[in-house]
Amino acid sequence: MDANKLQSLRHSTAHLLAAAVLHLYPKTKLTIGPAIENGFYYDAAFEKPISEDDLPQIENEMKKVLKTWKGFTKREVTEKEAKEIYKNNEYKKELIDEIVKRGEKITLYKIGDFEDLCRGGHSENPQKDIGDFKLLSIAGAYWHGDEKNPMLTRIYGTAFPTKKELDEYLEMLQEAKQRDHKKLGKELDLFVFSETVGKGLPLWTPKGSAVRRVLERFIVDEEIKRGYLHVYTPDLASLALYEKSGHYPYYKESMYAPITIDDEQFMLRPMSCPHHFELYLSRPHSYKELPIRFAELAKMYRYEQSGELAGLQRVRAFTLADAHIIAKVDQAEGEINKVLDLIEFIAQTFGLEHGKEYHYRLSLGERAEEKKYYKDDKSWDKAEAVLRKVLKNRKSHFVEAPGEAAFYGPKIDVQMKNVNGKEDTAFTVQYDFVMPKRFNLTYINEKGEEEQPIVIHRSSIGAIERVMAFLIEHYAGAFPLWLAPVQIVLLPIADRHAEFAQEAAKELRNAGIRVDADIRSERLQAKIRDATLQKVPFMGIIGDKEIAEKAISVRKRNGEDLGQLKIAPFLEQLLQDIDKKI
């Protein structure tokens, strides 16, 4: 089934859900129910709360209702007629006002005994087209996505033309549930959230901090090898800095409110580019120095609505592997290629395949929207042409997305899908021709004259928090050896073996291995089970024979037995594998 027919099927099934809800809960106020990427949902204000325990009953009612459906019929009504029909539903009346404001016709669609305010786009033969469906979950959703509005109940579902397709999708969802980074983060003791600390503000446990630290050291070291100059700039800045950059009017809604101190206003920073520009302005620069690549693991703060927060994927405090390349115009193409080389090297290190786990999106400006985009058609044309040329010359698969650019220039977005199939922009490479003007960035060219550079904003792995969420799900919590929070756990068989285990752990730790010794008075099988559940790459079993040979019996987390190994050669092999990022 093609995408349009599948969307119509799911849109129709959303109506079917609404009809069943009204049969079972007649006093419910319906709002909207669109088709979405992998299914549909309907938001409603129930008189009494419902739970996921109620979904099977609603699903059964949907099946009964479907047997009575023949086809959708459409009618147009006036604003007065529509408001009379929905006189007891303030949500529908608000939708009617929005339709009128847009100058559109008000249309209702009826099928069986159910009629709804709708634009259309339904299956022609619902009984035939609606194959198999499943209600999946219940969530809270603010009306119009605004937390100042009432909280509604959102029922999610999915629908497919055949039972086989539905079963395959449900199996994928089950796998996704097992890989969910929020679930695994708790089970593997990687991070926590505290209502007292605040929503969207993750706390990293020692284990999670170990993984994060390895990631941060890896990216800083790799960037320095490639000519980046790593710097530190403050998390706080004067409001005047963001007014100068132009970020404040554009991103005001996602920035935290100014803090007034000594009659001066400061802000928690939502981005680091203005800080790096001020660093550049601290002294004059020659063309011989360009490109200058300032990089930073920059802590940032952005206000996200409560309903948008999602584990580590969307938080209010995060650390971005950020950089700003100040370059001559004729260096732009080469620098963007180098950025993509770095991104692809890191992706390859993580075992990610371009076109499968991630792809590129060329995000373009919408010239007519002068409020959203800086007005300079010539610069837009040049910048978009450079990015398109780079992607084409690299033979990289990419899609173009008009209207998705930053206000100061076009960008290449690195798009990734999480285990639930939802696509997110993980990070970007942006061509900026606006900030050099706003900050009066210049360099002395070959003729001894001042000339304006361009700026390339880029991230190599995006926000540490978001990439951690992605990697937890990608590896299903079983990190490769070089990233694992605990690389080996030593398991003494009896209490008399604990001292040797602790000495061996000290030797491994001094060599840089992340090691634990489980000296609990538990049976060996219980210790093995716990280490396996924690997805530790290696277990070293220690008994009388091992102590006599000054060795350990090594077992991998997949159950493979490597036998008894002397500590020194085993340590050497571990260090080699870690260095190779295995």
Protein backbone atom coordinates (compact mmCIF):
# COMPACT_ATOMS: atom_id res chain seq x y z
CA MET A 1 0.00 0.00 0.00
CA ASP A 2 1.39 3.41 -0.94
CA ALA A 3 2.04 6.11 1.67
CA ASN A 4 -1.07 8.19 0.85
CA LYS A 5 -3.44 5.21 1.10
CA LEU A 6 -1.78 4.10 4.33
CA GLN A 7 -2.23 7.58 5.79
CA SER A 8 -5.91 7.57 4.75
CA LEU A 9 -6.33 4.15 6.38
CA ARG A 10 -4.82 5.42 9.63
CA HIS A 11 -6.79 8.65 9.54
CA SER A 12 -9.97 6.61 9.14
CA THR A 13 -8.94 4.38 12.04
CA ALA A 14 -8.48 7.48 14.21
CA HIS A 15 -12.16 8.30 13.48
CA LEU A 16 -13.03 4.71 14.34
CA LEU A 17 -11.29 5.12 17.70
CA ALA A 18 -13.21 8.35 18.37
CA ALA A 19 -16.53 6.70 17.51
CA ALA A 20 -15.82 3.78 19.86
CA VAL A 21 -14.82 6.19 22.65
CA LEU A 22 -18.14 8.06 22.32
CA HIS A 23 -20.06 4.77 22.45
CA LEU A 24 -18.34 3.79 25.70
CA TYR A 25 -17.89 7.25 27.22
CA PRO A 26 -20.69 9.48 25.80
CA LYS A 27 -19.69 12.59 27.79
CA THR A 28 -16.16 12.68 26.33
CA LYS A 29 -15.13 15.84 24.48
CA LEU A 30 -13.22 14.95 21.32
CA THR A 31 -10.52 17.26 19.95
CA ILE A 32 -8.22 16.09 17.11
CA GLY A 33 -7.10 12.71 15.76
CA PRO A 34 -4.49 12.73 12.98
CA ALA A 35 -2.56 10.00 11.23
CA ILE A 36 1.12 10.05 12.21
CA GLU A 37 4.25 8.34 10.89
CA ASN A 38 3.62 4.92 12.41
CA GLY A 39 -0.06 5.03 13.25
CA PHE A 40 -2.56 7.53 14.64
CA TYR A 41 -3.78 9.10 17.85
CA TYR A 42 -6.83 10.89 19.18
CA ASP A 43 -6.84 13.50 21.94
CA ALA A 44 -9.91 13.72 24.12
CA ALA A 45 -11.12 15.18 27.41
CA PHE A 46 -12.67 12.30 29.35
CA GLU A 47 -15.15 12.92 32.15
CA LYS A 48 -13.28 10.36 34.29
CA PRO A 49 -9.68 9.21 33.80
CA ILE A 50 -9.08 6.06 31.79
CA SER A 51 -6.01 3.81 31.83
CA GLU A 52 -4.28 1.35 29.50
CA ASP A 53 -6.39 -1.36 31.13
CA ASP A 54 -9.34 0.15 29.25
CA LEU A 55 -7.73 -0.16 25.82
CA PRO A 56 -8.86 -3.76 25.08
CA GLN A 57 -12.50 -2.76 25.68
CA ILE A 58 -12.14 0.27 23.37
CA GLU A 59 -10.45 -1.91 20.75
CA ASN A 60 -13.31 -4.46 20.88
CA GLU A 61 -15.82 -1.63 20.47
CA MET A 62 -13.88 -0.39 17.43
CA LYS A 63 -14.27 -3.82 15.82
CA LYS A 64 -18.03 -3.75 16.46
CA VAL A 65 -18.38 -0.22 15.07
CA LEU A 66 -16.36 -1.07 11.93
CA LYS A 67 -18.95 -3.70 10.96
CA THR A 68 -21.56 -0.92 10.64
CA TRP A 69 -19.44 1.41 8.51
CA LYS A 70 -20.02 1.76 4.76
CA GLY A 71 -18.35 4.98 3.65
CA PHE A 72 -17.70 8.61 4.63
CA THR A 73 -20.08 11.35 3.55
CA LYS A 74 -19.12 15.02 3.58
CA ARG A 75 -21.13 18.15 4.28
CA GLU A 76 -20.23 21.82 4.53
CA VAL A 77 -21.68 23.92 7.35
CA THR A 78 -21.61 27.55 8.37
CA GLU A 79 -19.67 28.80 11.38
CA LYS A 80 -22.97 29.27 13.25
CA GLU A 81 -24.14 25.73 12.43
CA ALA A 82 -20.79 24.22 13.43
CA LYS A 83 -20.74 26.02 16.75
CA GLU A 84 -24.29 24.90 17.46
CA ILE A 85 -23.31 21.28 16.78
CA TYR A 86 -20.34 21.60 19.15
CA LYS A 87 -21.92 23.97 21.65
CA ASN A 88 -20.75 21.79 24.55
CA ASN A 89 -17.21 21.25 23.23
CA GLU A 90 -14.94 24.26 23.69
CA TYR A 91 -12.07 22.50 21.91
CA LYS A 92 -14.00 22.01 18.68
CA LYS A 93 -15.27 25.60 18.87
CA GLU A 94 -11.67 26.81 19.09
CA LEU A 95 -10.81 24.69 16.03
CA ILE A 96 -13.77 26.22 14.18
CA ASP A 97 -12.44 29.71 14.97
CA GLU A 98 -9.04 28.70 13.58
CA ILE A 99 -10.63 27.33 10.38
CA VAL A 100 -12.57 30.57 9.89
CA LYS A 101 -9.46 32.66 10.53
CA ARG A 102 -7.60 30.73 7.81
CA GLY A 103 -10.46 31.38 5.40
CA GLU A 104 -11.20 27.68 4.90
CA LYS A 105 -14.54 25.92 4.55
CA ILE A 106 -15.93 24.10 7.58
CA THR A 107 -16.53 20.46 6.69
CA LEU A 108 -17.95 17.53 8.64
CA TYR A 109 -17.56 13.87 7.73
CA LYS A 110 -20.11 11.27 8.78
CA ILE A 111 -19.91 7.50 8.81
CA GLY A 112 -22.36 5.22 10.61
CA ASP A 113 -23.65 7.14 13.63
CA PHE A 114 -20.42 9.15 13.99
CA GLU A 115 -19.73 12.62 12.62
CA ASP A 116 -16.58 14.69 13.14
CA LEU A 117 -15.10 18.03 12.20
CA CYS A 118 -12.51 17.12 9.57
CA ARG A 119 -10.72 18.25 6.40
CA GLY A 120 -10.98 14.82 4.78
CA GLY A 121 -8.56 12.23 3.52
CA HIS A 122 -10.28 8.93 4.39
CA SER A 123 -10.42 5.40 3.03
CA GLU A 124 -13.08 4.95 0.35
CA ASN A 125 -14.09 1.56 1.72
CA PRO A 126 -13.21 1.43 5.46
CA GLN A 127 -14.48 -2.13 6.01
CA LYS A 128 -12.22 -3.40 3.25
CA ASP A 129 -9.23 -1.10 3.77
CA ILE A 130 -8.92 -1.11 7.56
CA GLY A 131 -7.18 -4.42 8.02
CA ASP A 132 -5.68 -4.87 11.45
CA PHE A 133 -5.24 -2.26 14.15
CA LYS A 134 -3.97 -2.11 17.70
CA LEU A 135 -4.28 0.48 20.47
CA LEU A 136 -0.82 0.91 21.95
CA SER A 137 -0.72 3.34 24.83
CA ILE A 138 -2.19 6.31 26.68
CA ALA A 139 -0.35 9.55 27.38
CA GLY A 140 -1.09 13.03 28.59
CA ALA A 141 -1.05 15.81 25.99
CA TYR A 142 -1.61 19.51 26.50
CA TRP A 143 -4.20 21.07 24.22
CA HIS A 144 -2.30 22.57 21.27
CA GLY A 145 0.95 21.40 22.91
CA ASP A 146 0.89 24.34 25.34
CA GLU A 147 1.38 23.46 29.00
CA LYS A 148 -0.74 26.48 29.96
CA ASN A 149 -3.71 24.68 28.39
CA PRO A 150 -5.70 21.76 29.86
CA MET A 151 -4.19 18.29 29.84
CA LEU A 152 -5.98 15.87 27.52
CA THR A 153 -5.81 12.09 27.22
CA ARG A 154 -4.04 10.91 24.08
CA ILE A 155 -4.70 7.37 22.88
CA TYR A 156 -2.06 6.06 20.46
CA GLY A 157 -2.72 3.27 17.99
CA THR A 158 -1.43 1.78 14.79
CA ALA A 159 -3.08 0.20 11.76
CA PHE A 160 -1.89 -1.82 8.78
CA PRO A 161 -3.59 -3.38 5.75
CA THR A 162 -2.67 -6.92 6.89
CA LYS A 163 -2.18 -8.83 10.12
CA LYS A 164 1.33 -9.84 9.01
CA GLU A 165 2.41 -6.20 8.74
CA LEU A 166 0.84 -5.39 12.11
CA ASP A 167 2.55 -8.35 13.80
CA GLU A 168 5.93 -7.35 12.36
CA TYR A 169 5.47 -3.80 13.60
CA LEU A 170 4.41 -4.95 17.09
CA GLU A 171 7.47 -7.22 17.23
CA MET A 172 9.65 -4.23 16.34
CA LEU A 173 7.96 -2.21 19.11
CA GLN A 174 8.66 -4.98 21.61
CA GLU A 175 12.32 -4.96 20.61
CA ALA A 176 12.34 -1.17 20.91
CA LYS A 177 10.86 -1.41 24.40
CA GLN A 178 13.69 -3.72 25.46
CA ARG A 179 16.24 -1.27 24.01
CA ASP A 180 14.61 1.90 25.41
CA HIS A 181 17.43 3.97 26.90
CA LYS A 182 15.22 5.11 29.79
CA LYS A 183 14.61 1.49 30.80
CA LEU A 184 18.21 0.40 30.26
CA GLY A 185 19.59 3.53 31.89
CA LYS A 186 17.83 2.56 35.10
CA GLU A 187 18.66 -1.17 34.91
CA LEU A 188 22.33 -0.52 34.15
CA ASP A 189 22.59 2.35 36.65
CA LEU A 190 23.75 4.96 34.11
CA PHE A 191 21.67 8.05 34.94
CA VAL A 192 18.73 9.21 37.02
CA PHE A 193 16.32 12.13 37.21
CA SER A 194 15.17 13.84 40.39
CA GLU A 195 11.96 15.86 40.69
CA THR A 196 13.72 17.84 43.42
CA VAL A 197 16.61 18.76 41.11
CA GLY A 198 14.15 19.51 38.30
CA LYS A 199 12.63 18.06 35.14
CA GLY A 200 14.92 17.51 32.19
CA LEU A 201 18.08 17.78 34.32
CA PRO A 202 19.87 14.39 34.29
CA LEU A 203 22.15 13.21 37.09
CA TRP A 204 24.96 10.92 35.93
CA THR A 205 25.88 7.94 38.10
CA PRO A 206 29.51 6.76 38.34
CA LYS A 207 28.86 4.16 35.62
CA GLY A 208 27.14 6.59 33.27
CA SER A 209 29.84 9.16 33.96
CA ALA A 210 32.48 6.61 32.95
CA VAL A 211 30.89 6.11 29.51
CA ARG A 212 30.38 9.85 29.09
CA ARG A 213 34.00 10.57 30.05
CA VAL A 214 35.32 8.10 27.45
CA LEU A 215 33.12 9.71 24.78
CA GLU A 216 34.26 13.21 25.69
CA ARG A 217 37.96 12.30 25.75
CA PHE A 218 37.61 10.46 22.45
CA ILE A 219 36.04 13.41 20.66
CA VAL A 220 38.35 16.06 22.14
CA ASP A 221 41.46 14.04 21.27
CA GLU A 222 40.22 13.34 17.74
CA GLU A 223 39.33 16.99 17.11
CA ILE A 224 42.71 18.21 18.37
CA LYS A 225 44.38 15.76 15.95
CA ARG A 226 42.37 17.40 13.16
CA GLY A 227 43.42 20.95 13.94
CA TYR A 228 40.70 22.14 16.32
CA LEU A 229 41.59 24.54 19.13
CA HIS A 230 39.70 23.45 22.24
CA VAL A 231 38.62 26.27 24.53
CA TYR A 232 36.52 26.95 27.63
CA THR A 233 33.91 29.70 27.80
CA PRO A 234 31.35 30.50 30.54
CA ASP A 235 27.87 29.01 30.87
CA LEU A 236 26.56 32.50 31.65
CA ALA A 237 26.66 35.61 29.47
CA SER A 238 25.24 39.11 29.30
CA LEU A 239 21.88 39.39 27.56
CA ALA A 240 23.55 42.01 25.35
CA LEU A 241 25.65 39.25 23.76
CA TYR A 242 22.54 37.44 22.47
CA GLU A 243 20.93 40.68 21.36
CA LYS A 244 24.09 41.41 19.38
CA SER A 245 24.06 37.95 17.79
CA GLY A 246 20.33 38.16 17.02
CA HIS A 247 19.60 34.91 18.83
CA TYR A 248 17.48 36.56 21.50
CA PRO A 249 14.51 37.57 19.31
CA TYR A 250 14.68 34.35 17.26
CA TYR A 251 15.10 31.89 20.13
CA LYS A 252 13.66 33.86 23.05
CA GLU A 253 10.94 31.25 23.75
CA SER A 254 13.49 28.46 24.19
CA MET A 255 15.88 30.52 26.33
CA TYR A 256 15.71 30.82 30.09
CA ALA A 257 14.58 34.18 31.43
CA PRO A 258 17.28 36.79 32.10
CA ILE A 259 18.86 36.93 35.55
CA THR A 260 19.26 40.47 36.87
CA ILE A 261 22.43 41.08 38.92
CA ASP A 262 23.69 44.56 39.84
CA ASP A 263 21.29 46.13 37.32
CA GLU A 264 22.78 43.99 34.55
CA GLN A 265 20.96 41.14 32.79
CA PHE A 266 22.58 37.74 32.27
CA MET A 267 21.40 34.53 30.65
CA LEU A 268 22.22 30.84 30.89
CA ARG A 269 23.62 30.24 27.44
CA PRO A 270 21.56 28.32 24.87
CA MET A 271 24.46 28.30 22.36
CA SER A 272 28.20 28.99 22.38
CA CYS A 273 28.82 30.69 19.03
CA PRO A 274 28.71 34.28 20.37
CA HIS A 275 31.31 33.35 23.00
CA HIS A 276 33.62 31.96 20.32
CA PHE A 277 33.17 35.06 18.18
CA GLU A 278 34.22 37.25 21.11
CA LEU A 279 37.30 35.05 21.51
CA TYR A 280 38.12 35.65 17.85
CA LEU A 281 37.68 39.41 18.32
CA SER A 282 40.18 39.50 21.18
CA ARG A 283 42.98 40.20 18.69
CA PRO A 284 43.52 40.87 14.94
CA HIS A 285 43.93 37.92 12.56
CA SER A 286 45.76 37.39 9.28
CA TYR A 287 44.60 35.28 6.33
CA LYS A 288 47.57 33.02 7.10
CA GLU A 289 45.88 31.90 10.35
CA LEU A 290 42.61 30.90 8.69
CA PRO A 291 40.79 28.64 9.08
CA ILE A 292 40.58 28.98 12.87
CA ARG A 293 38.61 26.11 14.39
CA PHE A 294 37.40 26.87 17.93
CA ALA A 295 35.89 23.81 19.62
CA GLU A 296 34.37 23.20 23.05
CA LEU A 297 32.39 20.69 25.06
CA ALA A 298 29.96 23.47 25.83
CA LYS A 299 27.32 23.23 28.55
CA MET A 300 24.04 24.73 27.36
CA TYR A 301 20.58 25.37 28.72
CA ARG A 302 17.34 25.50 26.76
CA TYR A 303 13.76 25.56 27.94
CA GLU A 304 11.82 22.55 26.69
CA GLN A 305 8.15 22.15 27.52
CA SER A 306 7.46 19.42 30.07
CA GLY A 307 5.53 17.37 27.51
CA GLU A 308 8.52 17.42 25.14
CA LEU A 309 11.06 16.06 27.64
CA ALA A 310 12.10 12.48 26.84
CA GLY A 311 14.82 10.82 28.88
CA LEU A 312 18.23 11.91 27.60
CA GLN A 313 16.92 12.59 24.10
CA ARG A 314 15.39 15.93 25.04
CA VAL A 315 16.63 17.66 28.18
CA ARG A 316 16.97 21.18 29.56
CA ALA A 317 20.70 21.06 30.35
CA PHE A 318 23.11 19.40 27.93
CA THR A 319 26.70 19.40 26.70
CA LEU A 320 27.29 19.96 23.00
CA ALA A 321 30.43 18.89 21.16
CA ASP A 322 30.42 22.27 19.47
CA ALA A 323 32.77 24.09 17.11
CA HIS A 324 32.92 27.22 14.97
CA ILE A 325 35.23 27.37 12.00
CA ILE A 326 36.13 30.89 10.89
CA ALA A 327 37.34 30.64 7.32
CA LYS A 328 37.80 32.45 4.04
CA VAL A 329 34.96 32.02 1.56
CA ASP A 330 37.13 29.91 -0.74
CA GLN A 331 37.94 27.57 2.17
CA ALA A 332 34.29 26.76 2.92
CA GLU A 333 33.94 23.73 0.65
CA GLY A 334 37.13 22.10 1.91
CA GLU A 335 36.26 22.72 5.57
CA ILE A 336 32.75 21.29 5.20
CA ASN A 337 34.23 18.18 3.60
CA LYS A 338 36.61 17.83 6.55
CA VAL A 339 33.71 18.17 8.98
CA LEU A 340 31.81 15.39 7.19
CA ASP A 341 34.98 13.27 7.18
CA LEU A 342 35.10 13.65 10.97
CA ILE A 343 31.40 12.87 11.40
CA GLU A 344 31.68 9.76 9.23
CA PHE A 345 34.84 8.60 11.02
CA ILE A 346 33.08 8.85 14.39
CA ALA A 347 29.95 7.12 13.05
CA GLN A 348 32.11 4.29 11.67
CA THR A 349 33.84 3.97 15.07
CA PHE A 350 30.41 3.50 16.66
CA GLY A 351 29.47 0.94 14.00
CA LEU A 352 26.87 3.22 12.35
CA GLU A 353 26.23 2.94 8.63
CA HIS A 354 25.43 5.97 6.48
CA GLY A 355 22.03 5.53 4.85
CA LYS A 356 20.95 3.03 7.50
CA GLU A 357 21.44 4.43 11.01
CA TYR A 358 21.83 8.03 9.81
CA HIS A 359 21.51 10.17 6.69
CA TYR A 360 21.98 13.78 5.61
CA ARG A 361 19.30 16.42 5.09
CA LEU A 362 20.08 19.64 3.24
CA SER A 363 17.99 22.26 5.05
CA LEU A 364 17.26 25.30 2.92
CA GLY A 365 15.87 28.77 3.60
CA GLU A 366 12.45 30.04 2.56
CA ARG A 367 13.27 33.37 0.93
CA ALA A 368 9.73 34.78 1.25
CA GLU A 369 9.80 34.48 5.07
CA GLU A 370 11.93 37.52 5.87
CA LYS A 371 10.98 37.41 9.56
CA LYS A 372 12.36 33.90 9.85
CA TYR A 373 15.37 34.20 7.54
CA TYR A 374 18.01 36.89 7.09
CA LYS A 375 17.43 38.75 3.81
CA ASP A 376 20.42 38.27 1.49
CA ASP A 377 19.44 36.21 -1.57
CA LYS A 378 22.91 36.26 -3.10
CA SER A 379 24.52 34.83 0.04
CA TRP A 380 21.75 32.23 0.41
CA ASP A 381 22.29 31.09 -3.19
CA LYS A 382 26.06 30.77 -2.71
CA ALA A 383 25.82 28.98 0.65
CA GLU A 384 23.18 26.50 -0.52
CA ALA A 385 25.17 25.79 -3.68
CA VAL A 386 28.33 25.02 -1.65
CA LEU A 387 26.53 22.57 0.67
CA ARG A 388 24.74 20.87 -2.22
CA LYS A 389 27.99 20.56 -4.19
CA VAL A 390 29.79 18.97 -1.22
CA LEU A 391 27.08 16.36 -0.73
CA LYS A 392 26.84 15.56 -4.43
CA ASN A 393 30.62 15.28 -4.88
CA ARG A 394 30.80 12.91 -1.91
CA LYS A 395 27.99 10.87 -3.50
CA SER A 396 26.18 11.09 -0.15
CA HIS A 397 22.51 10.20 -0.04
CA PHE A 398 20.57 13.28 1.13
CA VAL A 399 17.14 14.85 0.98
CA GLU A 400 16.36 18.56 0.61
CA ALA A 401 14.10 20.29 3.13
CA PRO A 402 12.94 23.84 2.30
CA GLY A 403 12.18 26.01 5.31
CA GLU A 404 14.36 24.03 7.74
CA ALA A 405 17.47 26.26 7.64
CA ALA A 406 18.79 28.36 10.54
CA PHE A 407 17.97 32.08 10.30
CA TYR A 408 21.62 32.84 9.44
CA GLY A 409 22.17 30.24 6.71
CA PRO A 410 21.51 26.75 5.27
CA LYS A 411 22.73 23.58 6.95
CA ILE A 412 23.39 19.89 6.57
CA ASP A 413 21.43 18.05 9.24
CA VAL A 414 22.57 14.64 10.45
CA GLN A 415 19.30 12.74 10.83
CA MET A 416 19.09 9.66 13.07
CA LYS A 417 16.23 7.33 13.94
CA ASN A 418 15.75 6.00 17.45
CA VAL A 419 14.56 2.46 18.16
CA ASN A 420 10.94 3.58 17.93
CA GLY A 421 11.51 4.73 14.35
CA LYS A 422 11.22 8.44 15.23
CA GLU A 423 13.64 10.59 13.27
CA ASP A 424 15.52 13.39 15.01
CA THR A 425 18.12 15.91 13.95
CA ALA A 426 21.12 14.69 15.94
CA PHE A 427 23.35 17.64 14.99
CA THR A 428 24.15 19.99 12.12
CA VAL A 429 26.77 21.58 9.88
CA GLN A 430 25.74 25.18 9.16
CA TYR A 431 27.06 27.75 6.69
CA ASP A 432 26.77 31.18 8.32
CA PHE A 433 27.11 34.45 6.41
CA VAL A 434 25.19 36.57 8.96
CA MET A 435 27.17 36.40 12.22
CA PRO A 436 30.38 37.74 10.63
CA LYS A 437 28.39 40.88 9.79
CA ARG A 438 26.72 41.16 13.21
CA PHE A 439 30.02 40.72 15.07
CA ASN A 440 32.15 42.50 12.48
CA LEU A 441 34.47 39.52 12.18
CA THR A 442 37.38 40.39 9.90
CA TYR A 443 40.86 39.28 8.90
CA ILE A 444 43.68 40.98 7.03
CA ASN A 445 43.81 39.54 3.50
CA GLU A 446 46.73 39.10 1.11
CA LYS A 447 46.43 42.77 0.04
CA GLY A 448 46.66 44.03 3.62
CA GLU A 449 42.96 44.93 3.64
CA GLU A 450 40.20 43.92 6.03
CA GLU A 451 37.94 41.19 4.69
CA GLN A 452 34.97 39.35 6.16
CA PRO A 453 35.20 35.57 6.69
CA ILE A 454 32.37 33.06 6.80
CA VAL A 455 31.58 30.83 9.77
CA ILE A 456 30.83 27.10 9.76
CA HIS A 457 28.95 25.97 12.86
CA ARG A 458 29.26 22.23 13.44
CA SER A 459 29.03 19.43 15.93
CA SER A 460 30.89 16.15 15.66
CA ILE A 461 28.60 13.97 17.79
CA GLY A 462 25.91 16.43 18.86
CA ALA A 463 24.75 16.67 22.45
CA ILE A 464 26.48 14.14 24.71
CA GLU A 465 23.13 13.35 26.33
CA ARG A 466 21.37 12.64 23.05
CA VAL A 467 24.20 10.55 21.61
CA MET A 468 24.32 8.57 24.88
CA ALA A 469 20.59 7.81 24.51
CA PHE A 470 21.16 6.74 20.91
CA LEU A 471 24.16 4.54 21.75
CA ILE A 472 22.43 2.86 24.70
CA GLU A 473 19.61 1.86 22.34
CA HIS A 474 21.92 1.02 19.43
CA TYR A 475 23.98 -1.39 21.54
CA ALA A 476 20.96 -2.48 23.64
CA GLY A 477 23.08 -1.54 26.67
CA ALA A 478 25.86 -3.97 25.70
CA PHE A 479 28.55 -1.35 25.04
CA PRO A 480 31.67 -2.41 23.16
CA LEU A 481 34.72 -2.96 25.37
CA TRP A 482 36.19 0.53 24.87
CA LEU A 483 32.95 2.23 25.97
CA ALA A 484 31.70 -0.19 28.65
CA PRO A 485 31.36 1.42 32.09
CA VAL A 486 32.81 -1.74 33.68
CA GLN A 487 35.06 -3.65 31.29
CA ILE A 488 35.69 -6.70 33.49
CA VAL A 489 34.33 -7.91 36.80
CA LEU A 490 36.36 -10.35 38.90
CA LEU A 491 34.36 -13.09 40.60
CA PRO A 492 36.02 -14.90 43.53
CA ILE A 493 34.39 -18.31 44.04
CA ALA A 494 34.73 -18.23 47.85
CA ASP A 495 35.61 -15.67 50.50
CA ARG A 496 39.22 -16.98 50.66
CA HIS A 497 39.68 -15.89 47.03
CA ALA A 498 38.59 -12.28 47.62
CA GLU A 499 42.03 -10.92 48.53
CA PHE A 500 43.58 -12.17 45.26
CA ALA A 501 40.60 -10.72 43.33
CA GLN A 502 41.15 -7.31 44.91
CA GLU A 503 44.89 -7.41 44.16
CA ALA A 504 44.21 -8.39 40.54
CA ALA A 505 41.60 -5.61 40.26
CA LYS A 506 44.17 -3.09 41.51
CA GLU A 507 46.68 -4.24 38.88
CA LEU A 508 44.11 -3.93 36.08
CA ARG A 509 42.85 -0.56 37.38
CA ASN A 510 46.38 0.85 37.52
CA ALA A 511 46.76 -0.08 33.84
CA GLY A 512 43.62 1.91 32.98
CA ILE A 513 41.02 -0.88 32.92
CA ARG A 514 37.60 -0.18 34.41
CA VAL A 515 37.23 -3.16 36.74
CA ASP A 516 35.09 -4.29 39.66
CA ALA A 517 35.63 -7.16 42.12
CA ASP A 518 32.41 -8.81 43.31
CA ILE A 519 33.45 -9.99 46.78
CA ARG A 520 29.91 -10.59 48.05
CA SER A 521 29.31 -13.88 49.86
CA GLU A 522 27.08 -15.12 47.04
CA ARG A 523 27.14 -18.29 44.95
CA LEU A 524 29.27 -18.01 41.80
CA GLN A 525 26.26 -18.59 39.52
CA ALA A 526 24.46 -15.64 41.12
CA LYS A 527 27.49 -13.42 40.51
CA ILE A 528 27.75 -14.57 36.89
CA ARG A 529 24.04 -13.90 36.38
CA ASP A 530 24.33 -10.38 37.84
CA ALA A 531 27.39 -9.54 35.72
CA THR A 532 25.59 -10.84 32.62
CA LEU A 533 22.51 -8.73 33.37
CA GLN A 534 24.81 -5.70 33.77
CA LYS A 535 26.20 -6.57 30.29
CA VAL A 536 29.84 -6.49 31.47
CA PRO A 537 32.04 -7.56 28.51
CA PHE A 538 34.30 -9.92 30.52
CA MET A 539 34.10 -11.91 33.77
CA GLY A 540 37.22 -13.21 35.48
CA ILE A 541 36.53 -16.22 37.74
CA ILE A 542 39.02 -16.82 40.54
CA GLY A 543 39.40 -20.01 42.57
CA ASP A 544 42.21 -22.11 44.05
CA LYS A 545 43.59 -23.14 40.64
CA GLU A 546 43.65 -19.53 39.38
CA ILE A 547 45.47 -18.30 42.48
CA ALA A 548 48.05 -21.09 42.15
CA GLU A 549 48.70 -20.11 38.50
CA LYS A 550 48.35 -16.32 39.14
CA ALA A 551 45.69 -16.32 36.43
CA ILE A 552 41.95 -15.83 35.93
CA SER A 553 39.39 -17.94 34.06
CA VAL A 554 37.82 -15.57 31.55
CA ARG A 555 34.24 -15.72 30.37
CA LYS A 556 32.58 -13.31 27.89
CA ARG A 557 29.13 -11.85 28.46
CA ASN A 558 27.72 -14.00 25.62
CA GLY A 559 28.74 -17.13 27.58
CA GLU A 560 31.88 -17.93 25.56
CA ASP A 561 34.58 -19.46 27.80
CA LEU A 562 38.13 -18.27 27.00
CA GLY A 563 39.71 -20.54 29.59
CA GLN A 564 42.41 -19.75 32.12
CA LEU A 565 44.60 -16.79 31.17
CA LYS A 566 47.60 -15.22 32.84
CA ILE A 567 46.80 -11.68 33.96
CA ALA A 568 49.67 -9.89 32.12
CA PRO A 569 48.97 -11.20 28.56
CA PHE A 570 45.19 -10.84 29.09
CA LEU A 571 45.72 -7.23 30.18
CA GLU A 572 47.86 -6.58 27.10
CA GLN A 573 45.11 -7.95 24.84
CA LEU A 574 42.48 -5.81 26.60
CA LEU A 575 44.54 -2.65 26.10
CA GLN A 576 45.08 -3.46 22.41
CA ASP A 577 41.35 -4.02 21.84
CA ILE A 578 40.47 -0.80 23.69
CA ASP A 579 42.97 1.15 21.59
CA LYS A 580 41.36 -0.28 18.42
CA LYS A 581 37.93 0.83 19.75
CA ILE A 582 36.63 -2.76 19.71
